Amino acid sequence: DVPFINVDCCDKQAFAQVFEQYDFDSVIHFAAFKAVGESVADPMKY
């Protein structure tokens, strides 16, 4: 039953609660937008 937290990593205050609550030493960071074409059309979003 993997713990899941619905949080936006761009919201530092909310994201900090994950670090407060859980005891992990390592992070794997995938949280990024990834559509190449969209990034050309809307770079600031990326």
All heavy atoms as atom14 arrays in JSON, in Angstrom:
{
  "sequence": "DVPFINVDCCDKQAFAQVFEQYDFDSVIHFAAFKAVGESVADPMKY",
  "atom14_mask": [
    [1, 1, 1, 1, 1, 1, 1, 1, 0, 0, 0, 0, 0, 0],
    [1, 1, 1, 1, 1, 1, 1, 0, 0, 0, 0, 0, 0, 0],
    [1, 1, 1, 1, 1, 1, 1, 0, 0, 0, 0, 0, 0, 0],
    [1, 1, 1, 1, 1, 1, 1, 1, 1, 1, 1, 0, 0, 0],
    [1, 1, 1, 1, 1, 1, 1, 1, 0, 0, 0, 0, 0, 0],
    [1, 1, 1, 1, 1, 1, 1, 1, 0, 0, 0, 0, 0, 0],
    [1, 1, 1, 1, 1, 1, 1, 0, 0, 0, 0, 0, 0, 0],
    [1, 1, 1, 1, 1, 1, 1, 1, 0, 0, 0, 0, 0, 0],
    [1, 1, 1, 1, 1, 1, 0, 0, 0, 0, 0, 0, 0, 0],
    [1, 1, 1, 1, 1, 1, 0, 0, 0, 0, 0, 0, 0, 0],
    [1, 1, 1, 1, 1, 1, 1, 1, 0, 0, 0, 0, 0, 0],
    [1, 1, 1, 1, 1, 1, 1, 1, 1, 0, 0, 0, 0, 0],
    [1, 1, 1, 1, 1, 1, 1, 1, 1, 0, 0, 0, 0, 0],
    [1, 1, 1, 1, 1, 0, 0, 0, 0, 0, 0, 0, 0, 0],
    [1, 1, 1, 1, 1, 1, 1, 1, 1, 1, 1, 0, 0, 0],
    [1, 1, 1, 1, 1, 0, 0, 0, 0, 0, 0, 0, 0, 0],
    [1, 1, 1, 1, 1, 1, 1, 1, 1, 0, 0, 0, 0, 0],
    [1, 1, 1, 1, 1, 1, 1, 0, 0, 0, 0, 0, 0, 0],
    [1, 1, 1, 1, 1, 1, 1, 1, 1, 1, 1, 0, 0, 0],
    [1, 1, 1, 1, 1, 1, 1, 1, 1, 0, 0, 0, 0, 0],
    [1, 1, 1, 1, 1, 1, 1, 1, 1, 0, 0, 0, 0, 0],
    [1, 1, 1, 1, 1, 1, 1, 1, 1, 1, 1, 1, 0, 0],
    [1, 1, 1, 1, 1, 1, 1, 1, 0, 0, 0, 0, 0, 0],
    [1, 1, 1, 1, 1, 1, 1, 1, 1, 1, 1, 0, 0, 0],
    [1, 1, 1, 1, 1, 1, 1, 1, 0, 0, 0, 0, 0, 0],
    [1, 1, 1, 1, 1, 1, 0, 0, 0, 0, 0, 0, 0, 0],
    [1, 1, 1, 1, 1, 1, 1, 0, 0, 0, 0, 0, 0, 0],
    [1, 1, 1, 1, 1, 1, 1, 1, 0, 0, 0, 0, 0, 0],
    [1, 1, 1, 1, 1, 1, 1, 1, 1, 1, 0, 0, 0, 0],
    [1, 1, 1, 1, 1, 1, 1, 1, 1, 1, 1, 0, 0, 0],
    [1, 1, 1, 1, 1, 0, 0, 0, 0, 0, 0, 0, 0, 0],
    [1, 1, 1, 1, 1, 0, 0, 0, 0, 0, 0, 0, 0, 0],
    [1, 1, 1, 1, 1, 1, 1, 1, 1, 1, 1, 0, 0, 0],
    [1, 1, 1, 1, 1, 1, 1, 1, 1, 0, 0, 0, 0, 0],
    [1, 1, 1, 1, 1, 0, 0, 0, 0, 0, 0, 0, 0, 0],
    [1, 1, 1, 1, 1, 1, 1, 0, 0, 0, 0, 0, 0, 0],
    [1, 1, 1, 1, 0, 0, 0, 0, 0, 0, 0, 0, 0, 0],
    [1, 1, 1, 1, 1, 1, 1, 1, 1, 0, 0, 0, 0, 0],
    [1, 1, 1, 1, 1, 1, 0, 0, 0, 0, 0, 0, 0, 0],
    [1, 1, 1, 1, 1, 1, 1, 0, 0, 0, 0, 0, 0, 0],
    [1, 1, 1, 1, 1, 0, 0, 0, 0, 0, 0, 0, 0, 0],
    [1, 1, 1, 1, 1, 1, 1, 1, 0, 0, 0, 0, 0, 0],
    [1, 1, 1, 1, 1, 1, 1, 0, 0, 0, 0, 0, 0, 0],
    [1, 1, 1, 1, 1, 1, 1, 1, 0, 0, 0, 0, 0, 0],
    [1, 1, 1, 1, 1, 1, 1, 1, 1, 0, 0, 0, 0, 0],
    [1, 1, 1, 1, 1, 1, 1, 1, 1, 1, 1, 1, 0, 0]
  ],
  "atom14_positions": [
    [[0.85, -1.19, 0.0], [0.0, 0.0, 0.0], [0.88, 1.24, 0.0], [1.09, 1.89, 1.02], [-0.92, -0.01, 1.23], [-1.98, 1.09, 1.17], [-2.17, 1.66, 0.07], [-2.59, 1.39, 2.21], [0.0, 0.0, 0.0], [0.0, 0.0, 0.0], [0.0, 0.0, 0.0], [0.0, 0.0, 0.0], [0.0, 0.0, 0.0], [0.0, 0.0, 0.0]],
    [[1.41, 1.55, -1.17], [2.39, 2.64, -1.31], [1.76, 3.97, -0.91], [0.69, 4.33, -1.43], [2.89, 2.71, -2.77], [3.84, 3.87, -2.97], [3.55, 1.4, -3.17], [0.0, 0.0, 0.0], [0.0, 0.0, 0.0], [0.0, 0.0, 0.0], [0.0, 0.0, 0.0], [0.0, 0.0, 0.0], [0.0, 0.0, 0.0], [0.0, 0.0, 0.0]],
    [[2.39, 4.72, 0.01], [1.86, 6.04, 0.36], [1.87, 6.97, -0.85], [2.86, 7.04, -1.58], [2.82, 6.55, 1.44], [3.55, 5.35, 1.93], [3.6, 4.39, 0.79], [0.0, 0.0, 0.0], [0.0, 0.0, 0.0], [0.0, 0.0, 0.0], [0.0, 0.0, 0.0], [0.0, 0.0, 0.0], [0.0, 0.0, 0.0], [0.0, 0.0, 0.0]],
    [[0.77, 7.69, -1.05], [0.66, 8.64, -2.16], [0.22, 9.99, -1.63], [-0.75, 10.09, -0.86], [-0.35, 8.16, -3.2], [-0.67, 9.21, -4.23], [0.24, 9.53, -5.22], [-1.87, 9.92, -4.18], [-0.04, 10.52, -6.16], [-2.15, 10.91, -5.11], [-1.23, 11.21, -6.09], [0.0, 0.0, 0.0], [0.0, 0.0, 0.0], [0.0, 0.0, 0.0]],
    [[0.94, 11.05, -2.02], [0.58, 12.41, -1.6], [0.32, 13.22, -2.86], [1.18, 13.33, -3.74], [1.72, 13.08, -0.79], [2.07, 12.22, 0.43], [1.29, 14.47, -0.32], [3.2, 11.27, 0.19], [0.0, 0.0, 0.0], [0.0, 0.0, 0.0], [0.0, 0.0, 0.0], [0.0, 0.0, 0.0], [0.0, 0.0, 0.0], [0.0, 0.0, 0.0]],
    [[-0.87, 13.79, -2.97], [-1.22, 14.64, -4.1], [-0.71, 16.05, -3.8], [-1.29, 16.79, -3.01], [-2.74, 14.65, -4.3], [-3.13, 15.35, -5.6], [-2.44, 16.26, -6.06], [-4.24, 14.94, -6.19], [0.0, 0.0, 0.0], [0.0, 0.0, 0.0], [0.0, 0.0, 0.0], [0.0, 0.0, 0.0], [0.0, 0.0, 0.0], [0.0, 0.0, 0.0]],
    [[0.42, 16.39, -4.42], [1.06, 17.68, -4.14], [1.79, 18.17, -5.37], [2.32, 17.38, -6.16], [2.04, 17.53, -2.94], [3.23, 16.63, -3.29], [2.55, 18.9, -2.47], [0.0, 0.0, 0.0], [0.0, 0.0, 0.0], [0.0, 0.0, 0.0], [0.0, 0.0, 0.0], [0.0, 0.0, 0.0], [0.0, 0.0, 0.0], [0.0, 0.0, 0.0]],
    [[1.8, 19.48, -5.56], [2.54, 20.11, -6.64], [3.94, 20.42, -6.12], [4.1, 21.18, -5.15], [1.82, 21.4, -7.07], [2.45, 22.04, -8.3], [3.61, 21.71, -8.63], [1.78, 22.89, -8.91], [0.0, 0.0, 0.0], [0.0, 0.0, 0.0], [0.0, 0.0, 0.0], [0.0, 0.0, 0.0], [0.0, 0.0, 0.0], [0.0, 0.0, 0.0]],
    [[4.96, 19.86, -6.76], [6.34, 20.07, -6.3], [6.77, 21.53, -6.44], [7.78, 21.94, -5.87], [7.3, 19.17, -7.07], [6.99, 17.42, -6.85], [0.0, 0.0, 0.0], [0.0, 0.0, 0.0], [0.0, 0.0, 0.0], [0.0, 0.0, 0.0], [0.0, 0.0, 0.0], [0.0, 0.0, 0.0], [0.0, 0.0, 0.0], [0.0, 0.0, 0.0]],
    [[6.02, 22.32, -7.23], [6.33, 23.75, -7.35], [5.84, 24.55, -6.14], [6.27, 25.68, -5.94], [5.71, 24.32, -8.63], [6.48, 23.71, -10.13], [0.0, 0.0, 0.0], [0.0, 0.0, 0.0], [0.0, 0.0, 0.0], [0.0, 0.0, 0.0], [0.0, 0.0, 0.0], [0.0, 0.0, 0.0], [0.0, 0.0, 0.0], [0.0, 0.0, 0.0]],
    [[4.95, 23.97, -5.36], [4.46, 24.6, -4.14], [5.35, 24.15, -2.99], [5.11, 23.13, -2.36], [3.0, 24.19, -3.9], [2.38, 24.87, -2.68], [3.14, 25.38, -1.81], [1.14, 24.88, -2.58], [0.0, 0.0, 0.0], [0.0, 0.0, 0.0], [0.0, 0.0, 0.0], [0.0, 0.0, 0.0], [0.0, 0.0, 0.0], [0.0, 0.0, 0.0]],
    [[6.38, 24.94, -2.73], [7.42, 24.5, -1.79], [6.87, 24.24, -0.4], [7.26, 23.27, 0.27], [8.55, 25.53, -1.74], [9.76, 25.05, -0.95], [10.9, 26.05, -1.02], [12.09, 25.57, -0.22], [13.18, 26.57, -0.23], [0.0, 0.0, 0.0], [0.0, 0.0, 0.0], [0.0, 0.0, 0.0], [0.0, 0.0, 0.0], [0.0, 0.0, 0.0]],
    [[5.98, 25.09, 0.05], [5.42, 24.93, 1.4], [4.65, 23.61, 1.52], [4.8, 22.87, 2.5], [4.51, 26.11, 1.73], [4.14, 26.2, 3.2], [3.4, 27.5, 3.53], [3.21, 28.35, 2.66], [2.98, 27.63, 4.77], [0.0, 0.0, 0.0], [0.0, 0.0, 0.0], [0.0, 0.0, 0.0], [0.0, 0.0, 0.0], [0.0, 0.0, 0.0]],
    [[3.83, 23.32, 0.52], [3.07, 22.08, 0.54], [3.99, 20.87, 0.37], [3.83, 19.84, 1.05], [2.01, 22.09, -0.57], [0.0, 0.0, 0.0], [0.0, 0.0, 0.0], [0.0, 0.0, 0.0], [0.0, 0.0, 0.0], [0.0, 0.0, 0.0], [0.0, 0.0, 0.0], [0.0, 0.0, 0.0], [0.0, 0.0, 0.0], [0.0, 0.0, 0.0]],
    [[4.98, 21.0, -0.5], [5.91, 19.9, -0.76], [6.75, 19.6, 0.49], [7.1, 18.44, 0.74], [6.8, 20.28, -1.95], [7.57, 19.14, -2.57], [7.16, 17.82, -2.45], [8.71, 19.4, -3.31], [7.88, 16.78, -3.04], [9.43, 18.39, -3.9], [9.02, 17.08, -3.76], [0.0, 0.0, 0.0], [0.0, 0.0, 0.0], [0.0, 0.0, 0.0]],
    [[7.05, 20.64, 1.25], [7.85, 20.44, 2.48], [7.16, 19.49, 3.46], [7.83, 18.8, 4.24], [8.11, 21.79, 3.15], [0.0, 0.0, 0.0], [0.0, 0.0, 0.0], [0.0, 0.0, 0.0], [0.0, 0.0, 0.0], [0.0, 0.0, 0.0], [0.0, 0.0, 0.0], [0.0, 0.0, 0.0], [0.0, 0.0, 0.0], [0.0, 0.0, 0.0]],
    [[5.85, 19.43, 3.4], [5.12, 18.54, 4.32], [5.46, 17.07, 4.05], [5.43, 16.24, 4.97], [3.61, 18.76, 4.19], [3.14, 20.16, 4.62], [3.59, 20.49, 6.04], [3.34, 19.73, 6.97], [4.27, 21.62, 6.19], [0.0, 0.0, 0.0], [0.0, 0.0, 0.0], [0.0, 0.0, 0.0], [0.0, 0.0, 0.0], [0.0, 0.0, 0.0]],
    [[5.79, 16.75, 2.81], [6.2, 15.38, 2.48], [7.52, 15.06, 3.18], [7.71, 13.96, 3.72], [6.33, 15.2, 0.95], [6.74, 13.77, 0.61], [5.03, 15.57, 0.25], [0.0, 0.0, 0.0], [0.0, 0.0, 0.0], [0.0, 0.0, 0.0], [0.0, 0.0, 0.0], [0.0, 0.0, 0.0], [0.0, 0.0, 0.0], [0.0, 0.0, 0.0]],
    [[8.44, 16.02, 3.18], [9.73, 15.84, 3.86], [9.54, 15.78, 5.37], [10.26, 15.06, 6.06], [10.68, 16.97, 3.48], [11.24, 16.87, 2.09], [10.46, 17.15, 0.97], [12.56, 16.49, 1.88], [10.98, 17.05, -0.32], [13.09, 16.38, 0.59], [12.3, 16.66, -0.5], [0.0, 0.0, 0.0], [0.0, 0.0, 0.0], [0.0, 0.0, 0.0]],
    [[8.58, 16.52, 5.88], [8.27, 16.49, 7.32], [7.73, 15.13, 7.74], [8.09, 14.59, 8.78], [7.21, 17.56, 7.65], [7.72, 18.98, 7.71], [8.36, 19.31, 9.06], [8.34, 18.46, 9.96], [8.88, 20.43, 9.18], [0.0, 0.0, 0.0], [0.0, 0.0, 0.0], [0.0, 0.0, 0.0], [0.0, 0.0, 0.0], [0.0, 0.0, 0.0]],
    [[6.87, 14.59, 6.91], [6.08, 13.41, 7.31], [6.8, 12.09, 7.08], [6.57, 11.13, 7.83], [4.75, 13.41, 6.53], [3.75, 12.38, 7.01], [2.42, 12.51, 6.29], [2.18, 13.47, 5.56], [1.55, 11.53, 6.5], [0.0, 0.0, 0.0], [0.0, 0.0, 0.0], [0.0, 0.0, 0.0], [0.0, 0.0, 0.0], [0.0, 0.0, 0.0]],
    [[7.66, 12.02, 6.04], [8.22, 10.72, 5.65], [9.74, 10.68, 5.81], [10.43, 11.66, 5.55], [7.82, 10.38, 4.22], [6.34, 10.12, 4.09], [5.48, 11.15, 3.68], [5.78, 8.89, 4.4], [4.11, 10.94, 3.58], [4.41, 8.67, 4.3], [3.58, 9.7, 3.89], [2.23, 9.49, 3.8], [0.0, 0.0, 0.0], [0.0, 0.0, 0.0]],
    [[10.23, 9.51, 6.15], [11.63, 9.3, 6.51], [12.37, 8.63, 5.35], [12.6, 7.43, 5.37], [11.67, 8.41, 7.78], [13.08, 8.12, 8.23], [13.95, 8.96, 7.99], [13.31, 7.04, 8.8], [0.0, 0.0, 0.0], [0.0, 0.0, 0.0], [0.0, 0.0, 0.0], [0.0, 0.0, 0.0], [0.0, 0.0, 0.0], [0.0, 0.0, 0.0]],
    [[12.71, 9.4, 4.32], [13.45, 8.86, 3.18], [14.79, 9.58, 3.07], [14.93, 10.73, 3.48], [12.65, 9.04, 1.88], [12.18, 10.45, 1.65], [12.99, 11.4, 1.06], [10.9, 10.85, 2.06], [12.57, 12.7, 0.87], [10.47, 12.15, 1.87], [11.3, 13.08, 1.28], [0.0, 0.0, 0.0], [0.0, 0.0, 0.0], [0.0, 0.0, 0.0]],
    [[15.78, 8.88, 2.5], [17.09, 9.49, 2.33], [17.39, 9.84, 0.89], [18.31, 10.6, 0.6], [18.18, 8.55, 2.87], [19.51, 9.26, 3.07], [19.49, 10.41, 3.57], [20.57, 8.71, 2.72], [0.0, 0.0, 0.0], [0.0, 0.0, 0.0], [0.0, 0.0, 0.0], [0.0, 0.0, 0.0], [0.0, 0.0, 0.0], [0.0, 0.0, 0.0]],
    [[16.61, 9.28, -0.04], [16.88, 9.46, -1.48], [15.62, 9.94, -2.19], [14.5, 9.63, -1.77], [17.34, 8.14, -2.1], [18.5, 7.64, -1.44], [0.0, 0.0, 0.0], [0.0, 0.0, 0.0], [0.0, 0.0, 0.0], [0.0, 0.0, 0.0], [0.0, 0.0, 0.0], [0.0, 0.0, 0.0], [0.0, 0.0, 0.0], [0.0, 0.0, 0.0]],
    [[15.85, 10.67, -3.28], [14.75, 11.17, -4.11], [15.04, 10.8, -5.57], [16.18, 10.9, -6.03], [14.61, 12.71, -4.01], [13.47, 13.21, -4.89], [14.43, 13.15, -2.57], [0.0, 0.0, 0.0], [0.0, 0.0, 0.0], [0.0, 0.0, 0.0], [0.0, 0.0, 0.0], [0.0, 0.0, 0.0], [0.0, 0.0, 0.0], [0.0, 0.0, 0.0]],
    [[14.01, 10.35, -6.28], [14.08, 10.24, -7.74], [13.07, 11.23, -8.3], [11.88, 11.15, -7.98], [13.77, 8.81, -8.25], [14.74, 7.8, -7.62], [13.88, 8.76, -9.78], [14.5, 6.36, -8.03], [0.0, 0.0, 0.0], [0.0, 0.0, 0.0], [0.0, 0.0, 0.0], [0.0, 0.0, 0.0], [0.0, 0.0, 0.0], [0.0, 0.0, 0.0]],
    [[13.57, 12.19, -9.09], [12.72, 13.3, -9.51], [12.28, 13.14, -10.97], [13.07, 13.27, -11.91], [13.47, 14.62, -9.35], [12.61, 15.83, -9.65], [11.55, 16.18, -8.87], [12.66, 16.74, -10.67], [10.97, 17.27, -9.37], [11.63, 17.62, -10.47], [0.0, 0.0, 0.0], [0.0, 0.0, 0.0], [0.0, 0.0, 0.0], [0.0, 0.0, 0.0]],
    [[10.98, 12.85, -11.14], [10.37, 12.73, -12.47], [9.42, 13.89, -12.79], [8.98, 14.02, -13.92], [9.54, 11.44, -12.57], [10.32, 10.17, -12.49], [10.23, 9.37, -11.36], [11.12, 9.75, -13.53], [10.93, 8.17, -11.28], [11.82, 8.56, -13.46], [11.73, 7.77, -12.32], [0.0, 0.0, 0.0], [0.0, 0.0, 0.0], [0.0, 0.0, 0.0]],
    [[9.06, 14.67, -11.77], [7.94, 15.62, -11.91], [8.29, 16.76, -12.86], [8.79, 17.8, -12.45], [7.57, 16.17, -10.53], [0.0, 0.0, 0.0], [0.0, 0.0, 0.0], [0.0, 0.0, 0.0], [0.0, 0.0, 0.0], [0.0, 0.0, 0.0], [0.0, 0.0, 0.0], [0.0, 0.0, 0.0], [0.0, 0.0, 0.0], [0.0, 0.0, 0.0]],
    [[8.01, 16.53, -14.16], [8.3, 17.56, -15.17], [7.35, 17.39, -16.34], [6.89, 16.29, -16.62], [9.75, 17.43, -15.66], [0.0, 0.0, 0.0], [0.0, 0.0, 0.0], [0.0, 0.0, 0.0], [0.0, 0.0, 0.0], [0.0, 0.0, 0.0], [0.0, 0.0, 0.0], [0.0, 0.0, 0.0], [0.0, 0.0, 0.0], [0.0, 0.0, 0.0]],
    [[7.06, 18.5, -17.01], [6.32, 18.42, -18.27], [7.27, 17.92, -19.35], [8.47, 18.21, -19.31], [5.76, 19.79, -18.66], [4.74, 20.33, -17.69], [4.67, 21.7, -17.41], [3.84, 19.49, -17.05], [3.73, 22.2, -16.52], [2.89, 19.99, -16.16], [2.84, 21.35, -15.9], [0.0, 0.0, 0.0], [0.0, 0.0, 0.0], [0.0, 0.0, 0.0]],
    [[6.74, 17.21, -20.37], [7.67, 16.52, -21.27], [7.3, 16.57, -22.76], [7.96, 15.9, -23.56], [7.78, 15.05, -20.84], [6.46, 14.29, -20.89], [6.64, 12.82, -20.54], [5.33, 12.07, -20.72], [5.47, 10.63, -20.48], [0.0, 0.0, 0.0], [0.0, 0.0, 0.0], [0.0, 0.0, 0.0], [0.0, 0.0, 0.0], [0.0, 0.0, 0.0]],
    [[6.29, 17.31, -23.16], [5.91, 17.36, -24.57], [6.73, 18.41, -25.31], [6.6, 19.62, -25.04], [4.42, 17.65, -24.72], [0.0, 0.0, 0.0], [0.0, 0.0, 0.0], [0.0, 0.0, 0.0], [0.0, 0.0, 0.0], [0.0, 0.0, 0.0], [0.0, 0.0, 0.0], [0.0, 0.0, 0.0], [0.0, 0.0, 0.0], [0.0, 0.0, 0.0]],
    [[7.58, 17.96, -26.21], [8.52, 18.87, -26.89], [7.77, 19.97, -27.64], [8.1, 21.16, -27.51], [9.43, 18.07, -27.85], [10.29, 19.02, -28.68], [10.31, 17.11, -27.07], [0.0, 0.0, 0.0], [0.0, 0.0, 0.0], [0.0, 0.0, 0.0], [0.0, 0.0, 0.0], [0.0, 0.0, 0.0], [0.0, 0.0, 0.0], [0.0, 0.0, 0.0]],
    [[6.77, 19.6, -28.44], [6.04, 20.58, -29.22], [5.36, 21.63, -28.36], [5.41, 22.83, -28.66], [0.0, 0.0, 0.0], [0.0, 0.0, 0.0], [0.0, 0.0, 0.0], [0.0, 0.0, 0.0], [0.0, 0.0, 0.0], [0.0, 0.0, 0.0], [0.0, 0.0, 0.0], [0.0, 0.0, 0.0], [0.0, 0.0, 0.0], [0.0, 0.0, 0.0]],
    [[4.72, 21.18, -27.29], [4.07, 22.12, -26.37], [5.08, 23.07, -25.75], [4.8, 24.26, -25.56], [3.34, 21.34, -25.27], [2.6, 22.25, -24.29], [2.04, 21.5, -23.09], [2.78, 20.72, -22.46], [0.86, 21.71, -22.78], [0.0, 0.0, 0.0], [0.0, 0.0, 0.0], [0.0, 0.0, 0.0], [0.0, 0.0, 0.0], [0.0, 0.0, 0.0]],
    [[6.29, 22.56, -25.47], [7.31, 23.41, -24.83], [7.78, 24.52, -25.76], [8.18, 25.59, -25.3], [8.5, 22.56, -24.37], [9.4, 22.28, -25.43], [0.0, 0.0, 0.0], [0.0, 0.0, 0.0], [0.0, 0.0, 0.0], [0.0, 0.0, 0.0], [0.0, 0.0, 0.0], [0.0, 0.0, 0.0], [0.0, 0.0, 0.0], [0.0, 0.0, 0.0]],
    [[7.73, 24.27, -27.08], [8.09, 25.31, -28.04], [6.98, 26.36, -28.1], [7.24, 27.56, -28.16], [8.34, 24.69, -29.44], [8.56, 25.78, -30.48], [9.53, 23.75, -29.39], [0.0, 0.0, 0.0], [0.0, 0.0, 0.0], [0.0, 0.0, 0.0], [0.0, 0.0, 0.0], [0.0, 0.0, 0.0], [0.0, 0.0, 0.0], [0.0, 0.0, 0.0]],
    [[5.73, 25.9, -28.05], [4.59, 26.81, -28.12], [4.37, 27.59, -26.83], [3.92, 28.74, -26.85], [3.32, 26.02, -28.46], [0.0, 0.0, 0.0], [0.0, 0.0, 0.0], [0.0, 0.0, 0.0], [0.0, 0.0, 0.0], [0.0, 0.0, 0.0], [0.0, 0.0, 0.0], [0.0, 0.0, 0.0], [0.0, 0.0, 0.0], [0.0, 0.0, 0.0]],
    [[4.71, 26.98, -25.69], [4.48, 27.61, -24.38], [5.68, 27.41, -23.47], [5.62, 26.67, -22.48], [3.22, 27.01, -23.75], [2.73, 27.8, -22.53], [3.36, 28.83, -22.21], [1.74, 27.39, -21.92], [0.0, 0.0, 0.0], [0.0, 0.0, 0.0], [0.0, 0.0, 0.0], [0.0, 0.0, 0.0], [0.0, 0.0, 0.0], [0.0, 0.0, 0.0]],
    [[6.81, 28.07, -23.81], [8.05, 27.8, -23.06], [7.98, 28.16, -21.58], [8.56, 27.47, -20.74], [9.1, 28.65, -23.79], [8.32, 29.68, -24.55], [7.02, 29.04, -24.9], [0.0, 0.0, 0.0], [0.0, 0.0, 0.0], [0.0, 0.0, 0.0], [0.0, 0.0, 0.0], [0.0, 0.0, 0.0], [0.0, 0.0, 0.0], [0.0, 0.0, 0.0]],
    [[7.25, 29.22, -21.24], [7.23, 29.64, -19.83], [6.59, 28.59, -18.93], [6.97, 28.42, -17.77], [6.52, 30.98, -19.67], [7.3, 32.15, -20.25], [9.04, 32.18, -19.73], [8.85, 32.42, -17.97], [0.0, 0.0, 0.0], [0.0, 0.0, 0.0], [0.0, 0.0, 0.0], [0.0, 0.0, 0.0], [0.0, 0.0, 0.0], [0.0, 0.0, 0.0]],
    [[5.61, 27.87, -19.47], [4.99, 26.77, -18.71], [6.06, 25.76, -18.31], [6.08, 25.25, -17.18], [3.91, 26.1, -19.56], [3.26, 24.89, -18.92], [2.19, 24.28, -19.83], [1.59, 23.03, -19.21], [0.55, 22.42, -20.06], [0.0, 0.0, 0.0], [0.0, 0.0, 0.0], [0.0, 0.0, 0.0], [0.0, 0.0, 0.0], [0.0, 0.0, 0.0]],
    [[6.97, 25.48, -19.24], [8.03, 24.49, -19.0], [9.11, 25.02, -18.07], [9.58, 24.3, -17.18], [8.6, 24.0, -20.34], [7.71, 22.92, -20.92], [6.42, 23.22, -21.35], [8.12, 21.6, -20.96], [5.58, 22.24, -21.83], [7.29, 20.6, -21.44], [6.01, 20.93, -21.87], [5.17, 19.94, -22.31], [0.0, 0.0, 0.0], [0.0, 0.0, 0.0]]
  ]
}
